[in-house]
Amino acid sequence: MITIDEFRRLELRIGEIVAAERMAGTDRLLKLTVDVGSGTRVLVGGLGAAYQPGDLVGLKVVVATNLEPATIRGVRSEGMLLGAACSGAIPALLTVNRPVPNGTSVQ
């Protein structure tokens, strides 16, 4: 259990995937460039088994933007996409159901 104050520390924003490519040497990892309103961020995500990179471009997604960056296979990842995964099912990315400006806070 966490407190509401701990939850409030998490910064969730709407971002738009503007570029996506497979990372060399892996079928699972994708390098994504996401516009989060205040600029673009590079994110590394394990979506390659479920999605073709071109299918992700243009999607509006929910991004955790205040995580400590991590270097994955030599690429600095500056956030995390939110999604839902069920055993054996294609992961579902959290998206929005109508136009929302990039950078909009998720509350």
PDB file of N, CA and C in Angstrom:
ATOM      1  N   MET A   1       0.842  -1.181   0.000  1.00  0.00           N
ATOM      2  CA  MET A   1       0.000   0.000   0.000  1.00  0.00           C
ATOM      3  C   MET A   1       0.888   1.246   0.000  1.00  0.00           C
ATOM      4  N   ILE A   2       0.450   2.246  -0.761  1.00  0.00           N
ATOM      5  CA  ILE A   2       1.145   3.529  -0.749  1.00  0.00           C
ATOM      6  C   ILE A   2       0.145   4.609  -0.348  1.00  0.00           C
ATOM      7  N   THR A   3       0.672   5.712   0.097  1.00  0.00           N
ATOM      8  CA  THR A   3      -0.197   6.823   0.469  1.00  0.00           C
ATOM      9  C   THR A   3      -0.568   7.630  -0.775  1.00  0.00           C
ATOM     10  N   ILE A   4      -1.589   8.445  -0.654  1.00  0.00           N
ATOM     11  CA  ILE A   4      -1.986   9.315  -1.755  1.00  0.00           C
ATOM     12  C   ILE A   4      -0.864  10.286  -2.096  1.00  0.00           C
ATOM     13  N   ASP A   5      -0.102  10.720  -1.099  1.00  0.00           N
ATOM     14  CA  ASP A   5       1.027  11.622  -1.359  1.00  0.00           C
ATOM     15  C   ASP A   5       2.101  10.926  -2.185  1.00  0.00           C
ATOM     16  N   GLU A   6       2.341   9.646  -1.920  1.00  0.00           N
ATOM     17  CA  GLU A   6       3.307   8.897  -2.726  1.00  0.00           C
ATOM     18  C   GLU A   6       2.806   8.765  -4.163  1.00  0.00           C
ATOM     19  N   PHE A   7       1.539   8.487  -4.346  1.00  0.00           N
ATOM     20  CA  PHE A   7       0.961   8.367  -5.682  1.00  0.00           C
ATOM     21  C   PHE A   7       1.069   9.684  -6.440  1.00  0.00           C
ATOM     22  N   ARG A   8       0.835  10.781  -5.770  1.00  0.00           N
ATOM     23  CA  ARG A   8       0.895  12.105  -6.415  1.00  0.00           C
ATOM     24  C   ARG A   8       2.287  12.438  -6.940  1.00  0.00           C
ATOM     25  N   ARG A   9       3.292  11.778  -6.440  1.00  0.00           N
ATOM     26  CA  ARG A   9       4.659  12.018  -6.926  1.00  0.00           C
ATOM     27  C   ARG A   9       4.850  11.520  -8.353  1.00  0.00           C
ATOM     28  N   LEU A  10       4.043  10.567  -8.780  1.00  0.00           N
ATOM     29  CA  LEU A  10       4.157  10.019 -10.127  1.00  0.00           C
ATOM     30  C   LEU A  10       3.567  11.021 -11.123  1.00  0.00           C
ATOM     31  N   GLU A  11       4.365  11.393 -12.116  1.00  0.00           N
ATOM     32  CA  GLU A  11       3.922  12.335 -13.137  1.00  0.00           C
ATOM     33  C   GLU A  11       3.548  11.553 -14.392  1.00  0.00           C
ATOM     34  N   LEU A  12       2.253  11.562 -14.712  1.00  0.00           N
ATOM     35  CA  LEU A  12       1.749  10.884 -15.902  1.00  0.00           C
ATOM     36  C   LEU A  12       1.292  11.939 -16.893  1.00  0.00           C
ATOM     37  N   ARG A  13       1.731  11.811 -18.135  1.00  0.00           N
ATOM     38  CA  ARG A  13       1.403  12.786 -19.171  1.00  0.00           C
ATOM     39  C   ARG A  13       1.002  12.061 -20.453  1.00  0.00           C
ATOM     40  N   ILE A  14       0.207  12.752 -21.266  1.00  0.00           N
ATOM     41  CA  ILE A  14      -0.135  12.244 -22.582  1.00  0.00           C
ATOM     42  C   ILE A  14       1.022  12.563 -23.522  1.00  0.00           C
ATOM     43  N   GLY A  15       1.436  11.559 -24.270  1.00  0.00           N
ATOM     44  CA  GLY A  15       2.490  11.741 -25.261  1.00  0.00           C
ATOM     45  C   GLY A  15       2.079  11.113 -26.579  1.00  0.00           C
ATOM     46  N   GLU A  16       2.693  11.573 -27.649  1.00  0.00           N
ATOM     47  CA  GLU A  16       2.427  11.024 -28.976  1.00  0.00           C
ATOM     48  C   GLU A  16       3.692  10.370 -29.509  1.00  0.00           C
ATOM     49  N   ILE A  17       3.587   9.126 -29.920  1.00  0.00           N
ATOM     50  CA  ILE A  17       4.740   8.430 -30.495  1.00  0.00           C
ATOM     51  C   ILE A  17       4.982   9.012 -31.881  1.00  0.00           C
ATOM     52  N   VAL A  18       6.148   9.632 -32.069  1.00  0.00           N
ATOM     53  CA  VAL A  18       6.469  10.277 -33.345  1.00  0.00           C
ATOM     54  C   VAL A  18       7.443   9.457 -34.182  1.00  0.00           C
ATOM     55  N   ALA A  19       8.133   8.499 -33.560  1.00  0.00           N
ATOM     56  CA  ALA A  19       9.032   7.608 -34.292  1.00  0.00           C
ATOM     57  C   ALA A  19       9.200   6.322 -33.490  1.00  0.00           C
ATOM     58  N   ALA A  20       9.393   5.232 -34.207  1.00  0.00           N
ATOM     59  CA  ALA A  20       9.596   3.940 -33.551  1.00  0.00           C
ATOM     60  C   ALA A  20      10.491   3.078 -34.438  1.00  0.00           C
ATOM     61  N   GLU A  21      11.409   2.364 -33.799  1.00  0.00           N
ATOM     62  CA  GLU A  21      12.296   1.471 -34.549  1.00  0.00           C
ATOM     63  C   GLU A  21      12.716   0.303 -33.673  1.00  0.00           C
ATOM     64  N   ARG A  22      13.021  -0.807 -34.331  1.00  0.00           N
ATOM     65  CA  ARG A  22      13.528  -1.972 -33.610  1.00  0.00           C
ATOM     66  C   ARG A  22      14.960  -1.709 -33.168  1.00  0.00           C
ATOM     67  N   MET A  23      15.312  -2.224 -32.006  1.00  0.00           N
ATOM     68  CA  MET A  23      16.688  -2.105 -31.529  1.00  0.00           C
ATOM     69  C   MET A  23      17.478  -3.299 -32.050  1.00  0.00           C
ATOM     70  N   ALA A  24      18.692  -3.046 -32.454  1.00  0.00           N
ATOM     71  CA  ALA A  24      19.548  -4.094 -33.011  1.00  0.00           C
ATOM     72  C   ALA A  24      19.771  -5.208 -32.001  1.00  0.00           C
ATOM     73  N   GLY A  25      19.724  -6.430 -32.486  1.00  0.00           N
ATOM     74  CA  GLY A  25      20.047  -7.578 -31.650  1.00  0.00           C
ATOM     75  C   GLY A  25      18.917  -8.100 -30.789  1.00  0.00           C
ATOM     76  N   THR A  26      17.708  -7.560 -30.947  1.00  0.00           N
ATOM     77  CA  THR A  26      16.582  -8.038 -30.154  1.00  0.00           C
ATOM     78  C   THR A  26      15.291  -7.893 -30.951  1.00  0.00           C
ATOM     79  N   ASP A  27      14.420  -8.863 -30.817  1.00  0.00           N
ATOM     80  CA  ASP A  27      13.110  -8.789 -31.460  1.00  0.00           C
ATOM     81  C   ASP A  27      12.087  -8.130 -30.537  1.00  0.00           C
ATOM     82  N   ARG A  28      12.424  -8.034 -29.267  1.00  0.00           N
ATOM     83  CA  ARG A  28      11.474  -7.572 -28.262  1.00  0.00           C
ATOM     84  C   ARG A  28      11.508  -6.070 -28.019  1.00  0.00           C
ATOM     85  N   LEU A  29      12.676  -5.460 -28.078  1.00  0.00           N
ATOM     86  CA  LEU A  29      12.805  -4.054 -27.683  1.00  0.00           C
ATOM     87  C   LEU A  29      12.625  -3.095 -28.852  1.00  0.00           C
ATOM     88  N   LEU A  30      11.850  -2.036 -28.592  1.00  0.00           N
ATOM     89  CA  LEU A  30      11.674  -0.956 -29.551  1.00  0.00           C
ATOM     90  C   LEU A  30      12.181   0.341 -28.943  1.00  0.00           C
ATOM     91  N   LYS A  31      12.788   1.158 -29.781  1.00  0.00           N
ATOM     92  CA  LYS A  31      13.198   2.506 -29.387  1.00  0.00           C
ATOM     93  C   LYS A  31      12.125   3.453 -29.912  1.00  0.00           C
ATOM     94  N   LEU A  32      11.484   4.166 -28.996  1.00  0.00           N
ATOM     95  CA  LEU A  32      10.379   5.056 -29.335  1.00  0.00           C
ATOM     96  C   LEU A  32      10.761   6.501 -29.038  1.00  0.00           C
ATOM     97  N   THR A  33      10.404   7.395 -29.921  1.00  0.00           N
ATOM     98  CA  THR A  33      10.537   8.821 -29.668  1.00  0.00           C
ATOM     99  C   THR A  33       9.128   9.339 -29.421  1.00  0.00           C
ATOM    100  N   VAL A  34       8.930   9.969 -28.253  1.00  0.00           N
ATOM    101  CA  VAL A  34       7.597  10.378 -27.824  1.00  0.00           C
ATOM    102  C   VAL A  34       7.599  11.871 -27.520  1.00  0.00           C
ATOM    103  N   ASP A  35       6.656  12.585 -28.127  1.00  0.00           N
ATOM    104  CA  ASP A  35       6.471  14.015 -27.861  1.00  0.00           C
ATOM    105  C   ASP A  35       5.593  14.134 -26.613  1.00  0.00           C
ATOM    106  N   VAL A  36       6.166  14.653 -25.524  1.00  0.00           N
ATOM    107  CA  VAL A  36       5.440  14.781 -24.260  1.00  0.00           C
ATOM    108  C   VAL A  36       5.055  16.237 -23.968  1.00  0.00           C
ATOM    109  N   GLY A  37       4.995  17.043 -25.007  1.00  0.00           N
ATOM    110  CA  GLY A  37       4.552  18.429 -24.861  1.00  0.00           C
ATOM    111  C   GLY A  37       5.668  19.412 -24.609  1.00  0.00           C
ATOM    112  N   SER A  38       6.570  19.076 -23.705  1.00  0.00           N
ATOM    113  CA  SER A  38       7.699  19.951 -23.382  1.00  0.00           C
ATOM    114  C   SER A  38       8.931  19.591 -24.204  1.00  0.00           C
ATOM    115  N   GLY A  39       8.781  18.681 -25.132  1.00  0.00           N
ATOM    116  CA  GLY A  39       9.872  18.191 -25.961  1.00  0.00           C
ATOM    117  C   GLY A  39       9.680  16.710 -26.210  1.00  0.00           C
ATOM    118  N   THR A  40      10.687  16.104 -26.819  1.00  0.00           N
ATOM    119  CA  THR A  40      10.601  14.667 -27.083  1.00  0.00           C
ATOM    120  C   THR A  40      11.476  13.896 -26.113  1.00  0.00           C
ATOM    121  N   ARG A  41      11.079  12.660 -25.879  1.00  0.00           N
ATOM    122  CA  ARG A  41      11.830  11.742 -25.021  1.00  0.00           C
ATOM    123  C   ARG A  41      12.025  10.446 -25.774  1.00  0.00           C
ATOM    124  N   VAL A  42      13.145   9.805 -25.523  1.00  0.00           N
ATOM    125  CA  VAL A  42      13.377   8.463 -26.049  1.00  0.00           C
ATOM    126  C   VAL A  42      12.996   7.473 -24.959  1.00  0.00           C
ATOM    127  N   LEU A  43      12.176   6.497 -25.331  1.00  0.00           N
ATOM    128  CA  LEU A  43      11.762   5.434 -24.418  1.00  0.00           C
ATOM    129  C   LEU A  43      12.112   4.101 -25.055  1.00  0.00           C
ATOM    130  N   VAL A  44      12.558   3.169 -24.260  1.00  0.00           N
ATOM    131  CA  VAL A  44      12.790   1.803 -24.730  1.00  0.00           C
ATOM    132  C   VAL A  44      11.711   0.940 -24.117  1.00  0.00           C
ATOM    133  N   GLY A  45      10.994   0.211 -24.970  1.00  0.00           N
ATOM    134  CA  GLY A  45       9.905  -0.626 -24.478  1.00  0.00           C
ATOM    135  C   GLY A  45       9.941  -2.013 -25.078  1.00  0.00           C
ATOM    136  N   GLY A  46       9.490  -2.978 -24.317  1.00  0.00           N
ATOM    137  CA  GLY A  46       9.462  -4.367 -24.751  1.00  0.00           C
ATOM    138  C   GLY A  46       8.197  -4.707 -25.508  1.00  0.00           C
ATOM    139  N   LEU A  47       7.927  -3.983 -26.569  1.00  0.00           N
ATOM    140  CA  LEU A  47       6.693  -4.152 -27.333  1.00  0.00           C
ATOM    141  C   LEU A  47       6.905  -4.824 -28.679  1.00  0.00           C
ATOM    142  N   GLY A  48       8.145  -5.116 -29.020  1.00  0.00           N
ATOM    143  CA  GLY A  48       8.471  -5.588 -30.364  1.00  0.00           C
ATOM    144  C   GLY A  48       7.845  -6.897 -30.764  1.00  0.00           C
ATOM    145  N   ALA A  49       7.542  -7.763 -29.807  1.00  0.00           N
ATOM    146  CA  ALA A  49       6.909  -9.040 -30.145  1.00  0.00           C
ATOM    147  C   ALA A  49       5.436  -8.854 -30.493  1.00  0.00           C
ATOM    148  N   ALA A  50       4.848  -7.757 -30.063  1.00  0.00           N
ATOM    149  CA  ALA A  50       3.414  -7.542 -30.250  1.00  0.00           C
ATOM    150  C   ALA A  50       3.083  -6.486 -31.289  1.00  0.00           C
ATOM    151  N   TYR A  51       3.994  -5.548 -31.553  1.00  0.00           N
ATOM    152  CA  TYR A  51       3.689  -4.421 -32.433  1.00  0.00           C
ATOM    153  C   TYR A  51       4.793  -4.226 -33.464  1.00  0.00           C
ATOM    154  N   GLN A  52       4.383  -3.818 -34.658  1.00  0.00           N
ATOM    155  CA  GLN A  52       5.323  -3.350 -35.670  1.00  0.00           C
ATOM    156  C   GLN A  52       5.590  -1.878 -35.375  1.00  0.00           C
ATOM    157  N   PRO A  53       6.837  -1.426 -35.492  1.00  0.00           N
ATOM    158  CA  PRO A  53       7.134  -0.036 -35.166  1.00  0.00           C
ATOM    159  C   PRO A  53       6.227   0.977 -35.867  1.00  0.00           C
ATOM    160  N   GLY A  54       5.963   0.792 -37.147  1.00  0.00           N
ATOM    161  CA  GLY A  54       5.142   1.734 -37.893  1.00  0.00           C
ATOM    162  C   GLY A  54       3.708   1.825 -37.397  1.00  0.00           C
ATOM    163  N   ASP A  55       3.210   0.764 -36.766  1.00  0.00           N
ATOM    164  CA  ASP A  55       1.845   0.766 -36.246  1.00  0.00           C
ATOM    165  C   ASP A  55       1.697   1.640 -35.001  1.00  0.00           C
ATOM    166  N   LEU A  56       2.811   1.967 -34.354  1.00  0.00           N
ATOM    167  CA  LEU A  56       2.768   2.756 -33.125  1.00  0.00           C
ATOM    168  C   LEU A  56       2.841   4.262 -33.379  1.00  0.00           C
ATOM    169  N   VAL A  57       3.422   4.654 -34.515  1.00  0.00           N
ATOM    170  CA  VAL A  57       3.592   6.082 -34.812  1.00  0.00           C
ATOM    171  C   VAL A  57       2.229   6.750 -34.909  1.00  0.00           C
ATOM    172  N   GLY A  58       2.089   7.851 -34.176  1.00  0.00           N
ATOM    173  CA  GLY A  58       0.846   8.614 -34.151  1.00  0.00           C
ATOM    174  C   GLY A  58      -0.061   8.292 -32.976  1.00  0.00           C
ATOM    175  N   LEU A  59       0.220   7.202 -32.263  1.00  0.00           N
ATOM    176  CA  LEU A  59      -0.602   6.860 -31.106  1.00  0.00           C
ATOM    177  C   LEU A  59      -0.372   7.845 -29.971  1.00  0.00           C
ATOM    178  N   LYS A  60      -1.461   8.226 -29.311  1.00  0.00           N
ATOM    179  CA  LYS A  60      -1.388   9.028 -28.081  1.00  0.00           C
ATOM    180  C   LYS A  60      -1.401   8.039 -26.926  1.00  0.00           C
ATOM    181  N   VAL A  61      -0.378   8.103 -26.088  1.00  0.00           N
ATOM    182  CA  VAL A  61      -0.186   7.130 -25.016  1.00  0.00           C
ATOM    183  C   VAL A  61       0.004   7.832 -23.681  1.00  0.00           C
ATOM    184  N   VAL A  62      -0.074   7.071 -22.606  1.00  0.00           N
ATOM    185  CA  VAL A  62       0.182   7.588 -21.263  1.00  0.00           C
ATOM    186  C   VAL A  62       1.628   7.258 -20.911  1.00  0.00           C
ATOM    187  N   VAL A  63       2.374   8.282 -20.482  1.00  0.00           N
ATOM    188  CA  VAL A  63       3.796   8.143 -20.200  1.00  0.00           C
ATOM    189  C   VAL A  63       4.100   8.578 -18.765  1.00  0.00           C
ATOM    190  N   ALA A  64       4.829   7.752 -18.036  1.00  0.00           N
ATOM    191  CA  ALA A  64       5.381   8.162 -16.739  1.00  0.00           C
ATOM    192  C   ALA A  64       6.643   8.952 -17.069  1.00  0.00           C
ATOM    193  N   THR A  65       6.624  10.262 -16.782  1.00  0.00           N
ATOM    194  CA  THR A  65       7.710  11.130 -17.236  1.00  0.00           C
ATOM    195  C   THR A  65       8.738  11.485 -16.171  1.00  0.00           C
ATOM    196  N   ASN A  66       8.486  11.133 -14.917  1.00  0.00           N
ATOM    197  CA  ASN A  66       9.461  11.518 -13.889  1.00  0.00           C
ATOM    198  C   ASN A  66      10.180  10.316 -13.271  1.00  0.00           C
ATOM    199  N   LEU A  67      10.299   9.243 -14.035  1.00  0.00           N
ATOM    200  CA  LEU A  67      11.111   8.115 -13.579  1.00  0.00           C
ATOM    201  C   LEU A  67      12.580   8.423 -13.807  1.00  0.00           C
ATOM    202  N   GLU A  68      13.414   7.865 -12.980  1.00  0.00           N
ATOM    203  CA  GLU A  68      14.849   8.012 -13.188  1.00  0.00           C
ATOM    204  C   GLU A  68      15.216   7.337 -14.506  1.00  0.00           C
ATOM    205  N   PRO A  69      15.977   8.010 -15.389  1.00  0.00           N
ATOM    206  CA  PRO A  69      16.357   7.391 -16.665  1.00  0.00           C
ATOM    207  C   PRO A  69      17.142   6.094 -16.444  1.00  0.00           C
ATOM    208  N   ALA A  70      16.994   5.182 -17.405  1.00  0.00           N
ATOM    209  CA  ALA A  70      17.709   3.910 -17.373  1.00  0.00           C
ATOM    210  C   ALA A  70      18.362   3.705 -18.732  1.00  0.00           C
ATOM    211  N   THR A  71      19.546   3.130 -18.744  1.00  0.00           N
ATOM    212  CA  THR A  71      20.210   2.818 -20.002  1.00  0.00           C
ATOM    213  C   THR A  71      19.954   1.349 -20.315  1.00  0.00           C
ATOM    214  N   ILE A  72      19.335   1.107 -21.470  1.00  0.00           N
ATOM    215  CA  ILE A  72      18.983  -0.239 -21.897  1.00  0.00           C
ATOM    216  C   ILE A  72      19.655  -0.501 -23.232  1.00  0.00           C
ATOM    217  N   ARG A  73      20.564  -1.464 -23.245  1.00  0.00           N
ATOM    218  CA  ARG A  73      21.327  -1.794 -24.457  1.00  0.00           C
ATOM    219  C   ARG A  73      21.963  -0.556 -25.073  1.00  0.00           C
ATOM    220  N   GLY A  74      22.497   0.295 -24.225  1.00  0.00           N
ATOM    221  CA  GLY A  74      23.212   1.479 -24.678  1.00  0.00           C
ATOM    222  C   GLY A  74      22.346   2.680 -25.016  1.00  0.00           C
ATOM    223  N   VAL A  75      21.024   2.566 -24.864  1.00  0.00           N
ATOM    224  CA  VAL A  75      20.113   3.674 -25.166  1.00  0.00           C
ATOM    225  C   VAL A  75      19.515   4.186 -23.860  1.00  0.00           C
ATOM    226  N   ARG A  76      19.583   5.491 -23.672  1.00  0.00           N
ATOM    227  CA  ARG A  76      19.018   6.112 -22.463  1.00  0.00           C
ATOM    228  C   ARG A  76      17.502   6.221 -22.617  1.00  0.00           C
ATOM    229  N   SER A  77      16.774   5.543 -21.749  1.00  0.00           N
ATOM    230  CA  SER A  77      15.318   5.555 -21.759  1.00  0.00           C
ATOM    231  C   SER A  77      14.842   6.533 -20.690  1.00  0.00           C
ATOM    232  N   GLU A  78      14.007   7.507 -21.108  1.00  0.00           N
ATOM    233  CA  GLU A  78      13.627   8.616 -20.237  1.00  0.00           C
ATOM    234  C   GLU A  78      12.138   8.607 -19.883  1.00  0.00           C
ATOM    235  N   GLY A  79      11.641   7.474 -19.475  1.00  0.00           N
ATOM    236  CA  GLY A  79      10.244   7.365 -19.080  1.00  0.00           C
ATOM    237  C   GLY A  79       9.739   5.964 -19.352  1.00  0.00           C
ATOM    238  N   MET A  80       8.431   5.786 -19.186  1.00  0.00           N
ATOM    239  CA  MET A  80       7.834   4.470 -19.397  1.00  0.00           C
ATOM    240  C   MET A  80       6.405   4.640 -19.908  1.00  0.00           C
ATOM    241  N   LEU A  81       6.073   3.852 -20.933  1.00  0.00           N
ATOM    242  CA  LEU A  81       4.689   3.796 -21.401  1.00  0.00           C
ATOM    243  C   LEU A  81       3.887   2.962 -20.430  1.00  0.00           C
ATOM    244  N   LEU A  82       2.622   3.305 -20.261  1.00  0.00           N
ATOM    245  CA  LEU A  82       1.749   2.496 -19.425  1.00  0.00           C
ATOM    246  C   LEU A  82       0.882   1.617 -20.307  1.00  0.00           C
ATOM    247  N   GLY A  83       0.668   0.399 -19.859  1.00  0.00           N
ATOM    248  CA  GLY A  83      -0.146  -0.536 -20.611  1.00  0.00           C
ATOM    249  C   GLY A  83      -0.641  -1.640 -19.709  1.00  0.00           C
ATOM    250  N   ALA A  84      -1.414  -2.517 -20.293  1.00  0.00           N
ATOM    251  CA  ALA A  84      -1.945  -3.670 -19.574  1.00  0.00           C
ATOM    252  C   ALA A  84      -1.508  -4.924 -20.315  1.00  0.00           C
ATOM    253  N   ALA A  85      -1.104  -5.925 -19.571  1.00  0.00           N
ATOM    254  CA  ALA A  85      -0.674  -7.182 -20.180  1.00  0.00           C
ATOM    255  C   ALA A  85      -1.383  -8.336 -19.504  1.00  0.00           C
ATOM    256  N   CYS A  86      -1.918  -9.210 -20.327  1.00  0.00           N
ATOM    257  CA  CYS A  86      -2.541 -10.431 -19.828  1.00  0.00           C
ATOM    258  C   CYS A  86      -1.723 -11.596 -20.345  1.00  0.00           C
ATOM    259  N   SER A  87      -1.645 -12.636 -19.592  1.00  0.00           N
ATOM    260  CA  SER A  87      -0.877 -13.808 -19.982  1.00  0.00           C
ATOM    261  C   SER A  87      -1.294 -14.279 -21.375  1.00  0.00           C
ATOM    262  N   GLY A  88      -0.338 -14.312 -22.293  1.00  0.00           N
ATOM    263  CA  GLY A  88      -0.591 -14.803 -23.633  1.00  0.00           C
ATOM    264  C   GLY A  88      -1.285 -13.831 -24.562  1.00  0.00           C
ATOM    265  N   ALA A  89      -1.689 -12.656 -24.075  1.00  0.00           N
ATOM    266  CA  ALA A  89      -2.402 -11.687 -24.909  1.00  0.00           C
ATOM    267  C   ALA A  89      -1.450 -10.584 -25.359  1.00  0.00           C
ATOM    268  N   ILE A  90      -1.829  -9.903 -26.420  1.00  0.00           N
ATOM    269  CA  ILE A  90      -1.054  -8.755 -26.891  1.00  0.00           C
ATOM    270  C   ILE A  90      -1.200  -7.627 -25.872  1.00  0.00           C
ATOM    271  N   PRO A  91      -0.088  -7.029 -25.430  1.00  0.00           N
ATOM    272  CA  PRO A  91      -0.191  -5.924 -24.467  1.00  0.00           C
ATOM    273  C   PRO A  91      -1.052  -4.788 -25.032  1.00  0.00           C
ATOM    274  N   ALA A  92      -1.857  -4.194 -24.186  1.00  0.00           N
ATOM    275  CA  ALA A  92      -2.710  -3.073 -24.574  1.00  0.00           C
ATOM    276  C   ALA A  92      -2.109  -1.793 -24.014  1.00  0.00           C
ATOM    277  N   LEU A  93      -1.724  -0.881 -24.891  1.00  0.00           N
ATOM    278  CA  LEU A  93      -1.201   0.399 -24.435  1.00  0.00           C
ATOM    279  C   LEU A  93      -2.349   1.274 -23.974  1.00  0.00           C
ATOM    280  N   LEU A  94      -2.119   2.042 -22.901  1.00  0.00           N
ATOM    281  CA  LEU A  94      -3.129   2.986 -22.435  1.00  0.00           C
ATOM    282  C   LEU A  94      -3.121   4.191 -23.362  1.00  0.00           C
ATOM    283  N   THR A  95      -4.271   4.482 -23.943  1.00  0.00           N
ATOM    284  CA  THR A  95      -4.412   5.584 -24.877  1.00  0.00           C
ATOM    285  C   THR A  95      -5.586   6.452 -24.439  1.00  0.00           C
ATOM    286  N   VAL A  96      -5.853   7.506 -25.202  1.00  0.00           N
ATOM    287  CA  VAL A  96      -6.988   8.384 -24.912  1.00  0.00           C
ATOM    288  C   VAL A  96      -8.049   8.207 -25.981  1.00  0.00           C
ATOM    289  N   ASN A  97      -9.301   8.504 -25.649  1.00  0.00           N
ATOM    290  CA  ASN A  97     -10.397   8.252 -26.587  1.00  0.00           C
ATOM    291  C   ASN A  97     -10.856   9.485 -27.368  1.00  0.00           C
ATOM    292  N   ARG A  98     -10.172  10.613 -27.171  1.00  0.00           N
ATOM    293  CA  ARG A  98     -10.449  11.800 -27.985  1.00  0.00           C
ATOM    294  C   ARG A  98      -9.201  12.680 -28.003  1.00  0.00           C
ATOM    295  N   PRO A  99      -9.149  13.681 -28.890  1.00  0.00           N
ATOM    296  CA  PRO A  99      -7.932  14.496 -29.001  1.00  0.00           C
ATOM    297  C   PRO A  99      -7.566  15.188 -27.686  1.00  0.00           C
ATOM    298  N   VAL A 100      -6.307  15.035 -27.314  1.00  0.00           N
ATOM    299  CA  VAL A 100      -5.765  15.646 -26.095  1.00  0.00           C
ATOM    300  C   VAL A 100      -4.374  16.171 -26.456  1.00  0.00           C
ATOM    301  N   PRO A 101      -4.037  17.397 -26.081  1.00  0.00           N
ATOM    302  CA  PRO A 101      -2.717  17.935 -26.402  1.00  0.00           C
ATOM    303  C   PRO A 101      -1.601  17.126 -25.733  1.00  0.00           C
ATOM    304  N   ASN A 102      -0.491  16.977 -26.447  1.00  0.00           N
ATOM    305  CA  ASN A 102       0.680  16.330 -25.875  1.00  0.00           C
ATOM    306  C   ASN A 102       1.108  17.096 -24.629  1.00  0.00           C
ATOM    307  N   GLY A 103       1.460  16.357 -23.595  1.00  0.00           N
ATOM    308  CA  GLY A 103       1.897  16.971 -22.347  1.00  0.00           C
ATOM    309  C   GLY A 103       0.794  17.133 -21.325  1.00  0.00           C
ATOM    310  N   THR A 104      -0.453  16.864 -21.715  1.00  0.00           N
ATOM    311  CA  THR A 104      -1.562  16.989 -20.769  1.00  0.00           C
ATOM    312  C   THR A 104      -1.361  16.050 -19.593  1.00  0.00           C
ATOM    313  N   SER A 105      -1.573  16.554 -18.401  1.00  0.00           N
ATOM    314  CA  SER A 105      -1.402  15.763 -17.183  1.00  0.00           C
ATOM    315  C   SER A 105      -2.550  14.753 -17.042  1.00  0.00           C
ATOM    316  N   VAL A 106      -2.210  13.530 -16.666  1.00  0.00           N
ATOM    317  CA  VAL A 106      -3.204  12.497 -16.388  1.00  0.00           C
ATOM    318  C   VAL A 106      -3.472  12.525 -14.895  1.00  0.00           C
ATOM    319  N   GLN A 107      -4.743  12.642 -14.512  1.00  0.00           N
ATOM    320  CA  GLN A 107      -5.087  12.760 -13.102  1.00  0.00           C
ATOM    321  C   GLN A 107      -6.069  11.709 -12.691  1.00  0.00           C
TER     322      GLN A 107
END
